N, C-alpha and C. Protein backbone atom coordinates (compact mmCIF):
# COMPACT_ATOMS: atom_id res chain seq x y z
N MET A 1 133.23 -78.26 47.79
CA MET A 1 133.59 -79.69 48.45
C MET A 1 135.11 -79.05 49.23
N GLU A 2 136.18 -79.11 48.19
CA GLU A 2 137.42 -79.01 48.65
C GLU A 2 137.68 -77.63 49.35
N PHE A 3 136.97 -76.74 49.25
CA PHE A 3 136.94 -75.03 50.24
C PHE A 3 136.40 -75.54 51.15
N PHE A 4 135.09 -76.40 51.25
CA PHE A 4 134.25 -76.30 52.69
C PHE A 4 135.51 -77.23 53.76
N GLU A 5 135.81 -78.75 52.84
CA GLU A 5 136.73 -79.46 53.81
C GLU A 5 137.83 -78.81 53.94
N GLY A 6 138.31 -77.56 53.74
CA GLY A 6 139.82 -77.12 54.15
C GLY A 6 139.38 -76.12 55.05
N THR A 7 138.43 -75.50 55.01
CA THR A 7 138.05 -74.72 56.21
C THR A 7 137.51 -75.52 57.65
N ARG A 8 136.50 -76.95 57.42
CA ARG A 8 136.34 -77.16 58.17
C ARG A 8 137.77 -78.36 58.90
N ALA A 9 139.05 -78.47 58.19
CA ALA A 9 139.98 -78.92 58.53
C ALA A 9 140.53 -77.78 59.53
N ALA A 10 140.64 -76.59 58.88
CA ALA A 10 140.94 -75.31 59.82
C ALA A 10 140.62 -75.17 60.86
N PHE A 11 139.20 -75.21 61.00
CA PHE A 11 138.14 -75.04 62.46
C PHE A 11 138.89 -76.25 63.56
N ARG A 12 138.81 -77.53 62.89
CA ARG A 12 139.04 -78.78 63.63
C ARG A 12 140.28 -78.36 64.40
N SER A 13 141.31 -77.99 63.64
CA SER A 13 142.67 -77.95 64.16
C SER A 13 142.68 -76.91 65.29
N VAL A 14 142.08 -75.65 65.07
CA VAL A 14 142.08 -74.84 66.13
C VAL A 14 141.38 -75.02 67.27
N ILE A 15 140.02 -75.90 67.50
CA ILE A 15 139.43 -76.42 68.41
C ILE A 15 140.07 -77.78 69.21
N SER A 16 140.75 -78.72 68.38
CA SER A 16 141.34 -79.29 68.97
C SER A 16 142.65 -78.66 69.41
N GLY A 17 142.99 -78.13 69.14
CA GLY A 17 144.70 -77.06 69.64
C GLY A 17 144.56 -76.52 70.83
N THR A 18 143.03 -75.93 70.94
CA THR A 18 142.90 -74.75 72.13
C THR A 18 142.14 -75.50 73.28
N CYS A 19 141.32 -76.21 73.04
CA CYS A 19 140.32 -77.08 73.68
C CYS A 19 140.62 -78.46 74.18
N ARG A 20 141.54 -78.89 73.35
CA ARG A 20 141.62 -80.49 73.59
C ARG A 20 140.59 -81.50 73.85
N PRO A 21 139.39 -81.41 73.09
CA PRO A 21 137.93 -82.21 73.11
C PRO A 21 138.46 -83.76 73.47
N THR A 22 137.44 -84.28 74.03
CA THR A 22 137.29 -85.58 74.47
C THR A 22 136.46 -85.83 73.35
N VAL A 23 136.26 -86.57 72.53
CA VAL A 23 135.45 -86.77 71.30
C VAL A 23 135.06 -88.59 71.07
N GLU A 24 133.91 -89.09 71.74
CA GLU A 24 133.37 -90.46 71.40
C GLU A 24 132.43 -90.30 70.32
N GLY A 25 132.50 -92.09 69.76
CA GLY A 25 131.45 -92.61 69.00
C GLY A 25 131.61 -91.99 67.72
N LEU A 26 132.37 -91.29 66.97
CA LEU A 26 132.38 -91.11 65.91
C LEU A 26 132.27 -92.29 64.87
N GLU A 27 132.43 -93.27 65.22
CA GLU A 27 132.09 -94.74 64.41
C GLU A 27 130.56 -95.23 64.38
N ASN A 28 129.55 -94.03 65.21
CA ASN A 28 128.21 -94.02 64.95
C ASN A 28 127.60 -93.09 63.61
N PHE A 29 128.63 -92.64 63.22
CA PHE A 29 128.29 -91.58 62.15
C PHE A 29 127.84 -92.50 61.17
N PRO A 30 127.08 -92.27 60.24
CA PRO A 30 126.81 -93.09 59.02
C PRO A 30 127.54 -92.50 57.90
N ARG A 31 128.64 -93.22 57.26
CA ARG A 31 129.73 -92.44 56.29
C ARG A 31 129.02 -92.08 54.84
N GLU A 32 127.65 -92.39 54.82
CA GLU A 32 127.09 -92.33 53.32
C GLU A 32 125.45 -92.13 53.80
N GLY A 33 124.68 -91.72 52.97
CA GLY A 33 123.56 -91.34 53.11
C GLY A 33 122.90 -90.43 53.67
N PRO A 34 121.45 -90.05 53.77
CA PRO A 34 120.90 -88.96 54.55
C PRO A 34 121.03 -89.46 56.05
N VAL A 35 121.44 -88.03 57.14
CA VAL A 35 121.60 -88.12 58.27
C VAL A 35 120.83 -87.16 59.10
N ILE A 36 120.33 -86.82 60.07
CA ILE A 36 119.84 -86.20 60.68
C ILE A 36 120.73 -85.96 62.12
N VAL A 37 121.36 -85.16 62.41
CA VAL A 37 122.07 -84.76 63.53
C VAL A 37 121.21 -84.01 65.02
N ALA A 38 121.46 -84.34 65.85
CA ALA A 38 120.16 -83.87 66.64
C ALA A 38 121.30 -83.71 68.27
N PRO A 39 121.69 -82.76 67.97
CA PRO A 39 122.52 -82.27 69.44
C PRO A 39 121.48 -81.97 70.50
N ASN A 40 122.04 -81.85 71.91
CA ASN A 40 121.67 -80.79 73.06
C ASN A 40 122.52 -79.41 72.70
N HIS A 41 122.01 -77.98 73.25
CA HIS A 41 122.13 -77.00 72.74
C HIS A 41 122.63 -76.20 74.08
N GLN A 42 123.70 -75.73 74.26
CA GLN A 42 124.19 -74.97 75.37
C GLN A 42 124.95 -73.65 74.38
N SER A 43 125.36 -73.59 73.53
CA SER A 43 126.65 -72.53 73.49
C SER A 43 126.71 -72.30 71.58
N PHE A 44 126.58 -70.76 71.61
CA PHE A 44 127.02 -70.34 70.30
C PHE A 44 127.68 -71.00 69.36
N PHE A 45 128.76 -71.72 69.90
CA PHE A 45 129.82 -72.50 69.26
C PHE A 45 129.55 -73.85 69.08
N ASP A 46 128.37 -74.21 69.25
CA ASP A 46 127.95 -75.56 69.19
C ASP A 46 127.67 -76.25 67.67
N SER A 47 127.44 -75.31 67.12
CA SER A 47 127.01 -75.69 65.72
C SER A 47 128.61 -76.18 64.79
N ILE A 48 129.61 -74.91 64.82
CA ILE A 48 130.75 -75.19 65.05
C ILE A 48 131.46 -76.29 65.34
N ILE A 49 131.10 -76.48 66.68
CA ILE A 49 132.05 -77.74 66.65
C ILE A 49 131.89 -79.25 65.96
N VAL A 50 130.32 -79.35 65.88
CA VAL A 50 129.55 -80.24 65.24
C VAL A 50 129.95 -80.12 63.91
N GLN A 51 130.09 -79.24 63.20
CA GLN A 51 130.59 -79.47 61.94
C GLN A 51 132.12 -79.37 61.52
N ALA A 52 132.85 -79.09 62.48
CA ALA A 52 134.17 -79.38 62.44
C ALA A 52 134.60 -80.52 63.14
N LEU A 53 134.14 -81.39 63.82
CA LEU A 53 134.57 -82.53 64.31
C LEU A 53 133.96 -83.71 63.75
N MET A 54 132.76 -83.71 63.20
CA MET A 54 131.70 -84.62 62.29
C MET A 54 132.85 -85.20 61.35
N PRO A 55 132.72 -86.49 60.82
CA PRO A 55 133.30 -87.33 59.76
C PRO A 55 132.75 -86.18 58.46
N ARG A 56 131.78 -85.94 58.48
CA ARG A 56 131.10 -85.28 56.89
C ARG A 56 130.49 -84.27 57.30
N LYS A 57 130.31 -83.14 56.28
CA LYS A 57 129.72 -82.12 56.13
C LYS A 57 128.18 -82.06 57.07
N VAL A 58 127.93 -81.23 58.05
CA VAL A 58 126.40 -80.94 58.75
C VAL A 58 125.95 -79.79 58.55
N ALA A 59 124.67 -79.58 57.80
CA ALA A 59 124.50 -78.04 57.43
C ALA A 59 123.45 -77.80 58.95
N PHE A 60 123.59 -76.58 59.14
CA PHE A 60 122.76 -76.02 60.30
C PHE A 60 122.10 -74.78 59.47
N PHE A 61 120.79 -74.31 60.40
CA PHE A 61 120.23 -73.41 59.91
C PHE A 61 120.87 -72.45 60.83
N ALA A 62 121.11 -70.94 60.24
CA ALA A 62 121.37 -69.86 60.77
C ALA A 62 120.73 -68.78 60.65
N LYS A 63 120.46 -67.94 61.19
CA LYS A 63 119.79 -66.86 60.69
C LYS A 63 120.10 -65.62 59.49
N ALA A 64 119.23 -65.25 58.68
CA ALA A 64 119.48 -64.85 57.21
C ALA A 64 120.18 -63.60 57.20
N GLU A 65 120.20 -62.71 58.70
CA GLU A 65 120.62 -61.51 58.74
C GLU A 65 122.19 -61.83 58.73
N TYR A 66 122.99 -63.01 59.29
CA TYR A 66 124.10 -63.07 59.47
C TYR A 66 125.01 -63.12 57.91
N PHE A 67 124.13 -63.38 56.93
CA PHE A 67 124.33 -63.66 55.47
C PHE A 67 124.07 -62.37 54.37
N THR A 68 123.63 -61.38 55.18
CA THR A 68 123.36 -60.04 54.55
C THR A 68 123.99 -58.80 55.24
N ALA A 69 124.44 -58.79 56.14
CA ALA A 69 124.91 -57.80 57.17
C ALA A 69 126.34 -57.05 56.61
N LYS A 70 126.18 -55.49 56.09
CA LYS A 70 127.05 -54.74 55.54
C LYS A 70 128.38 -54.60 55.81
N GLY A 71 129.34 -54.16 55.14
CA GLY A 71 130.38 -53.63 55.71
C GLY A 71 131.48 -54.77 56.12
N PRO A 72 133.01 -54.46 56.49
CA PRO A 72 133.76 -55.73 56.77
C PRO A 72 133.14 -56.44 57.51
N LYS A 73 132.38 -56.34 59.06
CA LYS A 73 132.08 -57.38 59.70
C LYS A 73 131.47 -58.14 59.12
N GLY A 74 130.01 -57.80 58.06
CA GLY A 74 129.26 -58.35 57.59
C GLY A 74 129.59 -59.29 56.47
N SER A 75 130.80 -59.20 55.89
CA SER A 75 131.45 -59.61 54.76
C SER A 75 132.07 -60.91 55.51
N ALA A 76 132.81 -60.58 56.66
CA ALA A 76 133.50 -61.92 57.45
C ALA A 76 132.13 -62.45 58.07
N MET A 77 131.24 -62.41 58.42
CA MET A 77 130.05 -63.09 58.81
C MET A 77 129.80 -63.68 57.70
N ARG A 78 129.33 -63.44 56.61
CA ARG A 78 128.96 -64.13 55.44
C ARG A 78 130.11 -65.31 55.02
N TRP A 79 131.23 -64.75 55.13
CA TRP A 79 132.42 -65.88 54.68
C TRP A 79 132.27 -67.39 55.87
N PHE A 80 132.03 -66.45 56.84
CA PHE A 80 132.23 -67.67 58.01
C PHE A 80 130.82 -68.61 57.80
N PHE A 81 129.64 -68.16 57.79
CA PHE A 81 128.39 -68.90 57.68
C PHE A 81 128.72 -69.67 56.59
N ASN A 82 129.16 -69.19 55.21
CA ASN A 82 129.17 -70.06 54.19
C ASN A 82 130.13 -71.09 54.50
N SER A 83 131.24 -70.69 54.89
CA SER A 83 132.12 -71.59 54.67
C SER A 83 131.94 -73.12 56.06
N VAL A 84 131.29 -72.61 56.78
CA VAL A 84 131.00 -74.18 57.87
C VAL A 84 129.86 -74.54 57.66
N GLY A 85 128.81 -73.98 56.54
CA GLY A 85 128.05 -74.87 55.81
C GLY A 85 127.14 -74.67 56.49
N SER A 86 126.58 -73.66 56.89
CA SER A 86 125.12 -73.07 57.60
C SER A 86 124.24 -72.70 56.27
N VAL A 87 122.58 -72.93 56.43
CA VAL A 87 121.24 -72.45 55.62
C VAL A 87 120.91 -71.24 56.56
N PRO A 88 120.90 -70.16 55.55
CA PRO A 88 120.19 -68.67 55.89
C PRO A 88 118.87 -69.19 56.09
N VAL A 89 118.15 -68.88 57.16
CA VAL A 89 116.89 -68.80 57.84
C VAL A 89 116.31 -67.64 58.30
N GLU A 90 115.14 -67.40 57.57
CA GLU A 90 114.49 -65.94 58.03
C GLU A 90 114.23 -65.79 59.67
N ARG A 91 114.36 -64.83 60.25
CA ARG A 91 114.22 -64.14 61.65
C ARG A 91 112.82 -64.55 61.60
N GLY A 92 112.47 -65.30 63.33
CA GLY A 92 111.23 -65.37 63.39
C GLY A 92 110.81 -66.88 62.50
N GLU A 93 111.43 -67.45 61.92
CA GLU A 93 110.98 -68.85 61.08
C GLU A 93 111.69 -69.76 61.65
N GLN A 94 111.07 -70.49 62.81
CA GLN A 94 111.66 -71.40 64.13
C GLN A 94 111.80 -72.55 63.12
N ALA A 95 113.18 -73.37 63.58
CA ALA A 95 113.54 -74.38 63.01
C ALA A 95 112.46 -75.44 62.99
N ALA A 96 111.38 -75.33 64.00
CA ALA A 96 110.49 -76.17 63.82
C ALA A 96 109.01 -76.20 62.89
N SER A 97 109.40 -74.99 61.95
CA SER A 97 108.10 -74.82 61.21
C SER A 97 108.22 -75.29 59.99
N VAL A 98 107.15 -75.63 59.16
CA VAL A 98 107.24 -76.33 57.73
C VAL A 98 108.14 -75.77 56.82
N ALA A 99 108.06 -74.43 56.98
CA ALA A 99 108.73 -74.08 55.93
C ALA A 99 110.42 -73.94 55.42
N ALA A 100 110.73 -74.21 56.82
CA ALA A 100 112.02 -74.21 56.99
C ALA A 100 112.41 -75.69 56.83
N LEU A 101 111.56 -76.26 57.71
CA LEU A 101 111.91 -78.05 57.60
C LEU A 101 112.02 -78.51 56.08
N GLN A 102 111.09 -78.09 55.19
CA GLN A 102 111.18 -78.37 53.92
C GLN A 102 112.75 -77.85 53.44
N THR A 103 113.31 -77.24 53.44
CA THR A 103 114.65 -76.99 53.14
C THR A 103 115.65 -78.24 53.69
N ALA A 104 115.23 -78.56 54.66
CA ALA A 104 115.84 -79.63 55.75
C ALA A 104 115.77 -80.75 54.84
N VAL A 105 114.28 -81.05 54.15
CA VAL A 105 114.11 -82.34 53.90
C VAL A 105 114.93 -82.03 51.81
N GLU A 106 115.12 -81.14 51.41
CA GLU A 106 115.71 -81.15 50.60
C GLU A 106 117.34 -81.45 50.49
N ILE A 107 118.12 -80.94 51.62
CA ILE A 107 119.24 -81.48 51.93
C ILE A 107 119.25 -82.55 52.20
N LEU A 108 118.20 -83.58 53.02
CA LEU A 108 118.56 -84.76 53.17
C LEU A 108 118.06 -85.79 52.06
N GLU A 109 117.33 -85.51 50.80
CA GLU A 109 117.03 -86.03 49.88
C GLU A 109 118.38 -86.19 48.90
N ARG A 110 119.30 -84.98 48.92
CA ARG A 110 120.55 -85.00 48.52
C ARG A 110 121.32 -85.89 49.09
N LYS A 111 121.21 -86.60 50.13
CA LYS A 111 121.98 -87.53 50.99
C LYS A 111 122.79 -86.96 51.69
N GLU A 112 122.75 -85.50 52.14
CA GLU A 112 123.82 -85.17 52.83
C GLU A 112 123.13 -85.19 54.39
N ALA A 113 123.72 -84.72 55.30
CA ALA A 113 123.91 -84.50 56.81
C ALA A 113 123.08 -83.28 57.39
N PHE A 114 121.93 -83.06 57.86
CA PHE A 114 121.26 -81.86 58.39
C PHE A 114 121.52 -82.01 59.83
N GLY A 115 121.77 -81.04 60.53
CA GLY A 115 121.50 -80.81 61.92
C GLY A 115 120.57 -79.78 62.45
N ILE A 116 119.97 -79.94 63.68
CA ILE A 116 118.79 -79.77 64.12
C ILE A 116 118.94 -79.61 65.89
N TYR A 117 118.55 -78.60 66.39
CA TYR A 117 118.77 -78.85 67.61
C TYR A 117 117.27 -78.91 68.22
N PRO A 118 116.60 -80.42 68.94
CA PRO A 118 115.32 -80.23 69.09
C PRO A 118 114.86 -79.32 70.54
N GLU A 119 115.66 -78.47 71.04
CA GLU A 119 115.42 -77.68 71.83
C GLU A 119 114.93 -76.49 71.35
N GLY A 120 115.46 -76.50 70.50
CA GLY A 120 115.45 -74.78 69.79
C GLY A 120 115.96 -74.19 69.86
N THR A 121 116.45 -73.57 71.02
CA THR A 121 117.43 -72.50 71.34
C THR A 121 118.36 -72.49 72.55
N ARG A 122 119.65 -72.47 72.72
CA ARG A 122 120.31 -72.84 73.88
C ARG A 122 119.83 -72.88 75.26
N SER A 123 120.52 -73.58 76.29
CA SER A 123 119.83 -73.96 77.41
C SER A 123 120.97 -72.56 78.04
N ARG A 124 120.19 -71.74 78.81
CA ARG A 124 121.20 -70.94 79.60
C ARG A 124 121.12 -71.34 80.86
N ASP A 125 120.80 -72.66 81.41
CA ASP A 125 120.48 -72.98 82.98
C ASP A 125 121.33 -74.40 82.65
N GLY A 126 121.75 -74.90 81.83
CA GLY A 126 122.20 -76.21 82.29
C GLY A 126 121.37 -77.64 82.03
N LEU A 127 119.87 -77.06 81.71
CA LEU A 127 118.94 -78.12 81.62
C LEU A 127 118.89 -78.46 80.67
N LEU A 128 118.50 -79.72 80.04
CA LEU A 128 118.10 -80.35 79.08
C LEU A 128 116.28 -79.86 79.05
N TYR A 129 115.87 -79.12 78.02
CA TYR A 129 114.76 -79.08 77.69
C TYR A 129 113.78 -79.75 76.71
N ARG A 130 112.58 -79.75 76.76
CA ARG A 130 111.71 -81.03 76.13
C ARG A 130 112.00 -80.50 74.65
N GLY A 131 111.76 -81.64 73.82
CA GLY A 131 112.29 -81.29 72.24
C GLY A 131 111.28 -81.03 71.87
N ARG A 132 111.07 -79.94 70.76
CA ARG A 132 110.08 -79.55 70.15
C ARG A 132 110.03 -80.77 68.82
N THR A 133 108.81 -80.81 68.13
CA THR A 133 108.75 -82.29 67.52
C THR A 133 109.29 -81.53 66.18
N GLY A 134 109.98 -80.96 65.22
CA GLY A 134 110.54 -80.58 64.13
C GLY A 134 111.41 -81.71 64.01
N VAL A 135 111.94 -81.98 64.81
CA VAL A 135 113.13 -83.01 64.38
C VAL A 135 112.16 -84.48 64.26
N GLY A 136 111.33 -85.12 65.31
CA GLY A 136 110.55 -86.28 65.09
C GLY A 136 109.62 -85.98 63.30
N TRP A 137 109.33 -84.59 63.30
CA TRP A 137 108.73 -84.48 61.97
C TRP A 137 109.74 -84.97 60.60
N LEU A 138 111.07 -84.49 61.07
CA LEU A 138 111.87 -84.70 59.81
C LEU A 138 112.18 -86.44 59.86
N ALA A 139 112.18 -86.97 60.43
CA ALA A 139 112.48 -88.16 61.02
C ALA A 139 111.54 -89.02 60.01
N LEU A 140 110.28 -88.56 60.60
CA LEU A 140 109.23 -89.26 60.03
C LEU A 140 109.29 -89.49 58.39
N THR A 141 109.18 -87.70 58.18
CA THR A 141 109.06 -87.70 57.02
C THR A 141 110.24 -88.33 55.47
N THR A 142 110.93 -88.13 55.93
CA THR A 142 112.12 -88.83 55.49
C THR A 142 112.70 -90.38 55.58
N GLY A 143 112.77 -90.64 56.84
CA GLY A 143 113.09 -92.08 56.82
C GLY A 143 114.53 -91.69 57.16
N ALA A 144 115.37 -90.70 57.16
CA ALA A 144 116.89 -90.59 57.43
C ALA A 144 117.01 -90.99 59.12
N PRO A 145 117.97 -91.78 59.53
CA PRO A 145 118.53 -91.91 60.95
C PRO A 145 118.93 -90.41 61.40
N VAL A 146 118.72 -91.07 62.76
CA VAL A 146 118.77 -89.53 63.76
C VAL A 146 119.98 -89.79 64.46
N VAL A 147 121.24 -89.28 64.54
CA VAL A 147 122.24 -89.29 64.98
C VAL A 147 122.02 -88.36 66.50
N PRO A 148 122.11 -89.03 67.62
CA PRO A 148 121.93 -88.37 69.01
C PRO A 148 123.27 -87.59 69.39
N VAL A 149 123.53 -86.57 69.65
CA VAL A 149 124.65 -85.75 70.08
C VAL A 149 124.69 -85.30 71.46
N GLY A 150 125.58 -85.44 72.35
CA GLY A 150 125.44 -85.13 73.77
C GLY A 150 127.12 -84.47 73.98
N LEU A 151 126.70 -82.40 74.01
CA LEU A 151 128.07 -81.80 74.05
C LEU A 151 127.87 -81.61 75.29
N ILE A 152 129.10 -81.84 76.18
CA ILE A 152 129.40 -81.42 77.55
C ILE A 152 130.24 -80.57 77.25
N GLY A 153 130.20 -79.31 78.57
CA GLY A 153 131.05 -78.43 78.72
C GLY A 153 130.93 -77.10 77.53
N THR A 154 130.33 -77.21 76.84
CA THR A 154 130.09 -76.25 75.53
C THR A 154 129.80 -74.71 76.09
N ASP A 155 129.18 -75.01 77.20
CA ASP A 155 129.25 -73.41 77.79
C ASP A 155 129.83 -72.64 78.54
N ARG A 156 130.87 -73.25 78.91
CA ARG A 156 131.91 -72.16 79.65
C ARG A 156 132.99 -71.96 78.55
N LEU A 157 132.73 -72.15 77.08
CA LEU A 157 133.46 -71.66 75.98
C LEU A 157 132.99 -70.47 76.07
N GLN A 158 131.69 -70.21 76.02
CA GLN A 158 131.18 -68.54 76.32
C GLN A 158 130.15 -68.38 77.23
N PRO A 159 130.36 -68.31 78.30
CA PRO A 159 129.01 -68.20 79.06
C PRO A 159 128.10 -67.30 78.83
N ALA A 160 126.64 -67.78 79.06
CA ALA A 160 125.23 -66.91 78.76
C ALA A 160 125.70 -65.23 79.32
N ASP A 161 125.71 -64.75 78.05
CA ASP A 161 125.68 -62.82 78.56
C ASP A 161 126.90 -62.39 78.69
N LYS A 162 128.07 -63.36 78.11
CA LYS A 162 129.55 -62.65 78.47
C LYS A 162 129.93 -62.87 77.11
N LYS A 163 130.74 -61.79 76.53
CA LYS A 163 131.25 -61.49 75.06
C LYS A 163 132.74 -62.30 74.91
N MET A 164 133.48 -62.54 76.22
CA MET A 164 134.66 -63.35 76.28
C MET A 164 134.55 -64.41 75.63
N ILE A 165 135.49 -65.13 74.84
CA ILE A 165 135.71 -66.75 74.58
C ILE A 165 136.84 -67.38 75.28
N LYS A 166 136.84 -68.26 76.19
CA LYS A 166 137.52 -69.05 76.81
C LYS A 166 137.41 -70.59 76.48
N PRO A 167 139.25 -70.72 75.47
CA PRO A 167 139.04 -71.69 75.37
C PRO A 167 138.81 -72.78 76.54
N GLN A 168 137.95 -73.92 76.67
CA GLN A 168 138.01 -74.77 77.68
C GLN A 168 137.79 -76.10 77.19
N HIS A 169 138.22 -77.34 78.14
CA HIS A 169 137.84 -78.69 77.48
C HIS A 169 136.46 -78.79 77.28
N PHE A 170 136.31 -79.87 76.43
CA PHE A 170 135.00 -79.77 76.34
C PHE A 170 134.54 -81.21 75.88
N THR A 171 133.43 -82.08 75.77
CA THR A 171 133.05 -83.43 75.89
C THR A 171 132.38 -83.75 74.57
N LEU A 172 132.40 -84.19 73.13
CA LEU A 172 131.21 -84.37 72.26
C LEU A 172 131.04 -85.90 72.20
N LYS A 173 129.87 -86.31 72.73
CA LYS A 173 129.53 -87.78 72.13
C LYS A 173 128.55 -88.19 70.90
N VAL A 174 128.46 -88.64 70.44
CA VAL A 174 127.88 -89.66 69.10
C VAL A 174 127.12 -90.90 69.64
N GLY A 175 125.98 -91.01 69.41
CA GLY A 175 125.09 -91.94 69.58
C GLY A 175 125.10 -92.73 68.72
N ALA A 176 124.27 -93.93 68.88
CA ALA A 176 123.93 -94.75 67.90
C ALA A 176 123.07 -94.52 67.25
N PRO A 177 122.69 -94.59 65.90
CA PRO A 177 121.80 -94.04 64.93
C PRO A 177 120.37 -94.38 65.78
N LEU A 178 119.62 -93.58 65.14
CA LEU A 178 118.21 -94.01 65.82
C LEU A 178 117.56 -93.97 64.31
N TYR A 179 116.13 -95.34 64.30
CA TYR A 179 116.06 -95.67 62.94
C TYR A 179 114.21 -95.56 63.11
N PHE A 180 113.51 -94.82 62.21
CA PHE A 180 112.26 -94.68 62.07
C PHE A 180 111.45 -94.81 61.03
N ASP A 181 110.24 -95.57 60.96
CA ASP A 181 109.99 -95.74 59.53
C ASP A 181 109.38 -94.66 59.12
N LYS A 182 109.82 -94.89 57.67
CA LYS A 182 109.37 -93.46 56.67
C LYS A 182 107.71 -93.54 56.59
N THR A 183 107.01 -92.50 56.86
CA THR A 183 105.77 -92.50 56.86
C THR A 183 105.20 -91.21 55.93
N GLY A 184 106.50 -90.46 55.56
CA GLY A 184 105.90 -89.08 54.88
C GLY A 184 105.33 -88.08 55.57
N PRO A 185 105.14 -86.85 55.23
CA PRO A 185 104.52 -85.53 56.04
C PRO A 185 103.03 -85.59 56.78
N GLY A 186 102.19 -86.89 56.44
CA GLY A 186 100.93 -87.47 57.13
C GLY A 186 100.91 -88.11 58.13
N HIS A 187 102.26 -88.05 58.65
CA HIS A 187 101.79 -89.02 60.20
C HIS A 187 101.46 -87.88 61.08
N SER A 188 100.59 -88.51 62.21
CA SER A 188 100.36 -88.00 63.33
C SER A 188 100.80 -87.20 64.39
N LEU A 189 100.50 -86.28 65.08
CA LEU A 189 101.04 -85.52 65.89
C LEU A 189 101.67 -86.57 67.16
N PRO A 190 100.55 -87.56 67.47
CA PRO A 190 101.31 -88.32 68.69
C PRO A 190 102.88 -89.31 68.32
N ALA A 191 102.75 -89.36 66.68
CA ALA A 191 103.97 -90.34 66.40
C ALA A 191 104.83 -89.50 66.27
N ARG A 192 104.74 -88.10 65.82
CA ARG A 192 105.90 -87.19 66.02
C ARG A 192 106.31 -87.14 67.21
N ARG A 193 105.58 -86.96 68.28
CA ARG A 193 105.83 -86.85 69.82
C ARG A 193 106.59 -87.73 70.24
N ALA A 194 106.35 -89.06 69.99
CA ALA A 194 107.02 -90.12 70.26
C ALA A 194 108.40 -90.32 69.78
N ALA A 195 108.74 -90.03 68.30
CA ALA A 195 109.79 -90.18 67.89
C ALA A 195 110.64 -88.85 68.60
N THR A 196 110.05 -87.75 68.65
CA THR A 196 110.93 -86.38 69.21
C THR A 196 111.44 -86.90 70.90
N ASP A 197 110.54 -87.69 71.54
CA ASP A 197 110.73 -88.04 72.95
C ASP A 197 111.89 -89.24 72.85
N LYS A 198 111.66 -90.04 72.08
CA LYS A 198 112.90 -91.55 71.82
C LYS A 198 114.16 -90.59 71.61
N ILE A 199 114.13 -89.24 70.96
CA ILE A 199 115.29 -88.50 70.56
C ILE A 199 115.99 -88.21 72.04
N MET A 200 115.15 -87.61 72.42
CA MET A 200 115.72 -86.36 73.47
C MET A 200 115.89 -87.52 74.46
N ASP A 201 115.45 -88.84 74.76
CA ASP A 201 115.77 -89.66 75.61
C ASP A 201 117.44 -90.07 75.59
N ALA A 202 117.80 -90.25 74.06
CA ALA A 202 118.77 -90.68 74.10
C ALA A 202 120.16 -89.63 74.25
N ILE A 203 119.61 -88.33 74.10
CA ILE A 203 120.46 -87.40 74.16
C ILE A 203 120.62 -87.12 75.76
N ALA A 204 119.90 -87.35 76.56
CA ALA A 204 119.78 -86.93 77.91
C ALA A 204 120.89 -88.08 78.38
N GLU A 205 120.60 -89.37 77.73
CA GLU A 205 122.00 -90.09 78.12
C GLU A 205 122.78 -89.92 77.83
N LEU A 206 123.65 -89.40 76.48
CA LEU A 206 124.65 -88.95 76.07
C LEU A 206 125.20 -87.64 77.04
N SER A 207 124.44 -86.54 77.27
CA SER A 207 124.93 -85.52 77.92
C SER A 207 124.71 -85.81 79.33
N GLY A 208 123.96 -86.23 79.93
CA GLY A 208 123.81 -86.84 81.29
C GLY A 208 123.34 -85.41 82.22
N GLN A 209 122.49 -84.31 81.39
CA GLN A 209 121.83 -83.17 81.72
C GLN A 209 121.00 -83.78 82.63
N GLU A 210 120.27 -82.87 83.62
CA GLU A 210 119.05 -82.74 83.95
C GLU A 210 118.10 -82.14 83.22
N ARG A 211 116.66 -82.97 83.13
CA ARG A 211 115.71 -82.73 82.40
C ARG A 211 115.16 -81.43 82.95
N ALA A 212 114.49 -80.55 82.24
CA ALA A 212 113.26 -79.54 82.70
C ALA A 212 112.05 -79.72 82.91
N GLY A 213 111.70 -80.58 81.50
CA GLY A 213 110.12 -80.93 81.55
C GLY A 213 109.19 -80.22 80.81
N THR A 214 110.28 -79.06 80.58
CA THR A 214 109.45 -77.73 79.59
C THR A 214 110.20 -77.53 78.38
N TYR A 215 109.33 -76.50 77.54
CA TYR A 215 110.34 -76.40 76.43
C TYR A 215 110.90 -74.99 76.73
N ASN A 216 112.05 -74.94 76.14
CA ASN A 216 113.09 -73.34 76.50
C ASN A 216 112.51 -72.72 75.66
N GLN A 217 112.44 -71.39 76.05
CA GLN A 217 112.28 -70.35 75.56
C GLN A 217 113.18 -69.25 74.96
N SER A 218 113.70 -68.79 74.01
CA SER A 218 114.48 -67.63 73.64
C SER A 218 114.48 -66.65 74.53
N LYS A 219 115.73 -65.96 74.78
CA LYS A 219 115.63 -64.76 75.73
C LYS A 219 114.88 -64.10 75.45
N GLN A 220 114.72 -63.27 74.05
CA GLN A 220 113.80 -62.35 73.81
C GLN A 220 112.16 -62.45 74.31
N ALA A 221 112.03 -63.87 74.11
CA ALA A 221 110.27 -64.50 74.66
C ALA A 221 110.42 -64.45 75.94
N GLN A 222 111.55 -64.42 76.94
CA GLN A 222 111.61 -64.35 78.51
C GLN A 222 110.90 -62.86 79.09
């Protein structure tokens, strides 16, 4: 824990010193107990930003190959993703799948915080896409509160298809927790859809994004 907190503090210092972010609503983040963190997704750096700036450790999924790559670059990637609290997930295993979400359930059962992007993959056109129902499944299954997060301007840190990183001001808004009755995994699809839509409405209010009304697709699927 000390290692993680030291790494998180280092990233927070770098982000604060180079980007001068505006951060609002940290008082909304529960200081203890299980928490589902649900941000919009515009940048590769969104997870790092959330992990660095939130009051508590937030675990996110990351591709398993980031943890198994060979050579000096692989070692650096493995150290980085381990240090920020990422959880390896096999390629092709979507965050909305039951197998991956069971890992999230285990994290929440330990009364920790878990981050999930309801859109699935990052938006490349600035629109807020329809939420996939994995976040609703997780909320209803565990009863953990969902903290919606609006990230504004993180897309400018590294525009889509660009390799250069440019420190830019961005805004992070933390909304009030959303609470759902704990039903266990036996809830209905309409209940899961309704919970997801409520979460997306809260994210939209925080981020101010125009909504697409459709699901986002990964670049490989387009």
